[in-house]
Amino acid sequence: MDIYLIFKIAAVGILVSVVGQILKASGRDEQAFLASLAGLLLVLSWVLPYIAQLFQLIDGLFQW
């Protein structure tokens, strides 16, 4: 796993948190929820290949 991926995930988390707080303070709770959902989906799309690779590694480890 690349260290830059961790920094990108942290940056998206900080950005989503700030945007969510601003939107909630202005009374736009639905848009704050959608912003957090978009951030989650973005990070999940980055991490999902690594999770699949981990499961393939574990599957190969326990096969006879």
C-alpha atoms as a PDB file:
ATOM      1  CA  MET A   1       0.000   0.000   0.000  1.00  0.00           C
ATOM      2  CA  ASP A   2       1.289   3.383  -0.924  1.00  0.00           C
ATOM      3  CA  ILE A   3       1.755   6.038   1.775  1.00  0.00           C
ATOM      4  CA  TYR A   4       0.231   8.634  -0.554  1.00  0.00           C
ATOM      5  CA  LEU A   5      -3.051   6.722  -0.470  1.00  0.00           C
ATOM      6  CA  ILE A   6      -3.216   7.232   3.290  1.00  0.00           C
ATOM      7  CA  PHE A   7      -2.579  10.954   2.850  1.00  0.00           C
ATOM      8  CA  LYS A   8      -5.267  11.159   0.171  1.00  0.00           C
ATOM      9  CA  ILE A   9      -7.768   9.400   2.428  1.00  0.00           C
ATOM     10  CA  ALA A  10      -6.929  11.772   5.286  1.00  0.00           C
ATOM     11  CA  ALA A  11      -7.312  14.798   2.992  1.00  0.00           C
ATOM     12  CA  VAL A  12     -10.711  13.619   1.786  1.00  0.00           C
ATOM     13  CA  GLY A  13     -11.782  13.007   5.377  1.00  0.00           C
ATOM     14  CA  ILE A  14     -10.777  16.507   6.459  1.00  0.00           C
ATOM     15  CA  LEU A  15     -12.410  18.080   3.404  1.00  0.00           C
ATOM     16  CA  VAL A  16     -15.665  16.159   3.873  1.00  0.00           C
ATOM     17  CA  SER A  17     -15.714  17.051   7.556  1.00  0.00           C
ATOM     18  CA  VAL A  18     -15.296  20.775   6.875  1.00  0.00           C
ATOM     19  CA  VAL A  19     -17.860  20.788   4.070  1.00  0.00           C
ATOM     20  CA  GLY A  20     -20.285  18.809   6.223  1.00  0.00           C
ATOM     21  CA  GLN A  21     -19.974  21.219   9.124  1.00  0.00           C
ATOM     22  CA  ILE A  22     -20.495  24.229   6.857  1.00  0.00           C
ATOM     23  CA  LEU A  23     -23.535  22.674   5.230  1.00  0.00           C
ATOM     24  CA  LYS A  24     -25.045  21.616   8.546  1.00  0.00           C
ATOM     25  CA  ALA A  25     -24.551  25.103   9.997  1.00  0.00           C
ATOM     26  CA  SER A  26     -26.407  26.598   7.054  1.00  0.00           C
ATOM     27  CA  GLY A  27     -29.309  24.169   7.476  1.00  0.00           C
ATOM     28  CA  ARG A  28     -28.602  21.923   4.506  1.00  0.00           C
ATOM     29  CA  ASP A  29     -28.455  18.576   6.249  1.00  0.00           C
ATOM     30  CA  GLU A  30     -29.386  16.562   3.159  1.00  0.00           C
ATOM     31  CA  GLN A  31     -26.527  18.030   1.152  1.00  0.00           C
ATOM     32  CA  ALA A  32     -24.145  17.396   4.055  1.00  0.00           C
ATOM     33  CA  PHE A  33     -25.219  13.760   4.037  1.00  0.00           C
ATOM     34  CA  LEU A  34     -24.674  13.546   0.278  1.00  0.00           C
ATOM     35  CA  ALA A  35     -21.217  15.105   0.605  1.00  0.00           C
ATOM     36  CA  SER A  36     -20.222  12.556   3.241  1.00  0.00           C
ATOM     37  CA  LEU A  37     -21.638   9.745   1.118  1.00  0.00           C
ATOM     38  CA  ALA A  38     -19.661  10.975  -1.901  1.00  0.00           C
ATOM     39  CA  GLY A  39     -16.483  11.058   0.194  1.00  0.00           C
ATOM     40  CA  LEU A  40     -17.134   7.546   1.426  1.00  0.00           C
ATOM     41  CA  LEU A  41     -17.682   6.229  -2.083  1.00  0.00           C
ATOM     42  CA  LEU A  42     -14.538   7.960  -3.339  1.00  0.00           C
ATOM     43  CA  VAL A  43     -12.376   6.450  -0.613  1.00  0.00           C
ATOM     44  CA  LEU A  44     -14.029   3.061  -1.057  1.00  0.00           C
ATOM     45  CA  SER A  45     -13.214   3.107  -4.762  1.00  0.00           C
ATOM     46  CA  TRP A  46      -9.558   3.716  -3.863  1.00  0.00           C
ATOM     47  CA  VAL A  47      -9.381   1.012  -1.176  1.00  0.00           C
ATOM     48  CA  LEU A  48     -11.480  -1.712  -2.807  1.00  0.00           C
ATOM     49  CA  PRO A  49      -8.672  -3.061  -5.064  1.00  0.00           C
ATOM     50  CA  TYR A  50      -6.428  -3.481  -2.027  1.00  0.00           C
ATOM     51  CA  ILE A  51      -9.169  -5.353  -0.160  1.00  0.00           C
ATOM     52  CA  ALA A  52      -9.694  -7.652  -3.154  1.00  0.00           C
ATOM     53  CA  GLN A  53      -5.952  -8.266  -3.334  1.00  0.00           C
ATOM     54  CA  LEU A  54      -5.910  -9.108   0.377  1.00  0.00           C
ATOM     55  CA  PHE A  55      -8.707 -11.660  -0.015  1.00  0.00           C
ATOM     56  CA  GLN A  56      -6.922 -13.252  -2.989  1.00  0.00           C
ATOM     57  CA  LEU A  57      -3.749 -13.490  -0.934  1.00  0.00           C
ATOM     58  CA  ILE A  58      -5.577 -15.119   1.974  1.00  0.00           C
ATOM     59  CA  ASP A  59      -7.386 -17.478  -0.392  1.00  0.00           C
ATOM     60  CA  GLY A  60      -4.093 -18.517  -1.967  1.00  0.00           C
ATOM     61  CA  LEU A  61      -2.558 -18.981   1.445  1.00  0.00           C
ATOM     62  CA  PHE A  62      -5.155 -21.494   2.625  1.00  0.00           C
ATOM     63  CA  GLN A  63      -5.580 -23.501  -0.593  1.00  0.00           C
ATOM     64  CA  TRP A  64      -4.015 -26.934  -0.764  1.00  0.00           C
END
